[in-house]
């Protein structure tokens, strides 16, 4: 079940990247996030992500989502807040 949640997060990161949605913070403008945005989603999902990487992806997604003016209408992101 945990792996499934990570897959959803990676999918959202790739989707937001393809749509041109990126958080503005310098901590997100790194080679790691560039790699996630450009690498094949199948390759990323097949690799083992460390807990630190998942936390960084969570922070990236939260920053992206908080930038959205219609934040209250995003009802499919509850899994991001479950641990």
Protein backbone atom coordinates (compact mmCIF):
# COMPACT_ATOMS: atom_id res chain seq x y z
CA UNK A 1 0.00 0.00 0.00
CA UNK A 2 2.82 2.40 0.81
CA UNK A 3 4.39 1.90 -2.63
CA UNK A 4 1.06 2.77 -4.24
CA UNK A 5 1.02 6.14 -2.48
CA UNK A 6 4.57 6.89 -3.66
CA UNK A 7 3.54 6.04 -7.23
CA UNK A 8 0.66 8.54 -7.01
CA UNK A 9 3.02 11.24 -5.76
CA UNK A 10 5.46 10.62 -8.59
CA UNK A 11 2.59 10.70 -11.09
CA UNK A 12 1.43 14.06 -9.72
CA UNK A 13 4.96 15.45 -9.82
CA UNK A 14 5.31 14.39 -13.47
CA UNK A 15 1.86 15.77 -14.34
CA UNK A 16 2.53 19.13 -12.71
CA UNK A 17 5.94 19.29 -14.40
CA UNK A 18 4.44 18.60 -17.82
CA UNK A 19 1.83 21.30 -17.19
CA UNK A 20 4.60 23.74 -16.26
CA UNK A 21 3.68 23.96 -12.58
CA UNK A 22 6.75 24.23 -10.36
CA UNK A 23 7.20 25.61 -6.85
CA UNK A 24 9.25 28.79 -6.74
CA UNK A 25 11.62 27.93 -3.87
CA UNK A 26 15.31 27.51 -4.61
CA UNK A 27 15.32 24.23 -2.67
CA UNK A 28 13.23 22.76 -5.51
CA UNK A 29 15.51 23.97 -8.31
CA UNK A 30 18.00 21.15 -8.00
CA UNK A 31 19.40 18.44 -10.23
CA UNK A 32 17.30 15.90 -8.33
CA UNK A 33 13.99 17.56 -9.21
CA UNK A 34 15.15 18.20 -12.77
CA UNK A 35 15.89 14.47 -13.05
CA UNK A 36 12.42 13.60 -11.69
CA UNK A 37 10.78 15.99 -14.15
CA UNK A 38 12.66 14.65 -17.18
CA UNK A 39 13.16 10.95 -16.47
CA UNK A 40 10.59 8.38 -17.61
CA UNK A 41 7.89 7.76 -15.01
CA UNK A 42 8.34 3.99 -15.43
CA UNK A 43 12.02 4.29 -14.58
CA UNK A 44 11.37 6.43 -11.51
CA UNK A 45 8.67 4.11 -10.19
CA UNK A 46 10.86 1.04 -10.64
CA UNK A 47 13.65 2.62 -8.57
CA UNK A 48 13.65 2.47 -4.78
CA UNK A 49 13.06 5.90 -3.26
CA UNK A 50 14.58 6.71 0.09
CA UNK A 51 12.45 8.26 2.82
CA UNK A 52 14.30 11.57 2.44
CA UNK A 53 13.41 11.59 -1.27
CA UNK A 54 9.75 10.97 -0.52
CA UNK A 55 9.73 13.82 1.99
CA UNK A 56 11.28 16.13 -0.61
CA UNK A 57 8.65 15.08 -3.16
CA UNK A 58 5.92 15.69 -0.56
CA UNK A 59 7.26 19.20 0.04
CA UNK A 60 7.45 19.85 -3.71
CA UNK A 61 3.84 18.74 -4.21
CA UNK A 62 2.56 20.73 -1.21
CA UNK A 63 4.21 23.89 -2.54
CA UNK A 64 2.70 23.31 -6.00
CA UNK A 65 -0.76 22.66 -4.62
CA UNK A 66 -0.69 25.64 -2.26
CA UNK A 67 -0.01 27.94 -5.23
CA UNK A 68 -3.33 26.96 -6.82
CA UNK A 69 -6.14 29.51 -6.52
CA UNK A 70 -8.79 26.77 -6.47
CA UNK A 71 -7.10 24.76 -3.72
CA UNK A 72 -10.42 24.01 -2.00
CA UNK A 73 -11.71 22.24 -5.11
CA UNK A 74 -8.84 19.73 -5.26
CA UNK A 75 -10.51 16.77 -3.60
CA UNK A 76 -8.25 13.99 -4.82
CA UNK A 77 -5.12 14.97 -2.89
CA UNK A 78 -6.08 13.67 0.57
CA UNK A 79 -3.57 10.84 0.24
CA UNK A 80 -0.76 13.41 0.42
CA UNK A 81 -1.67 14.20 4.01
CA UNK A 82 -1.96 10.61 5.23
CA UNK A 83 1.10 8.98 6.74
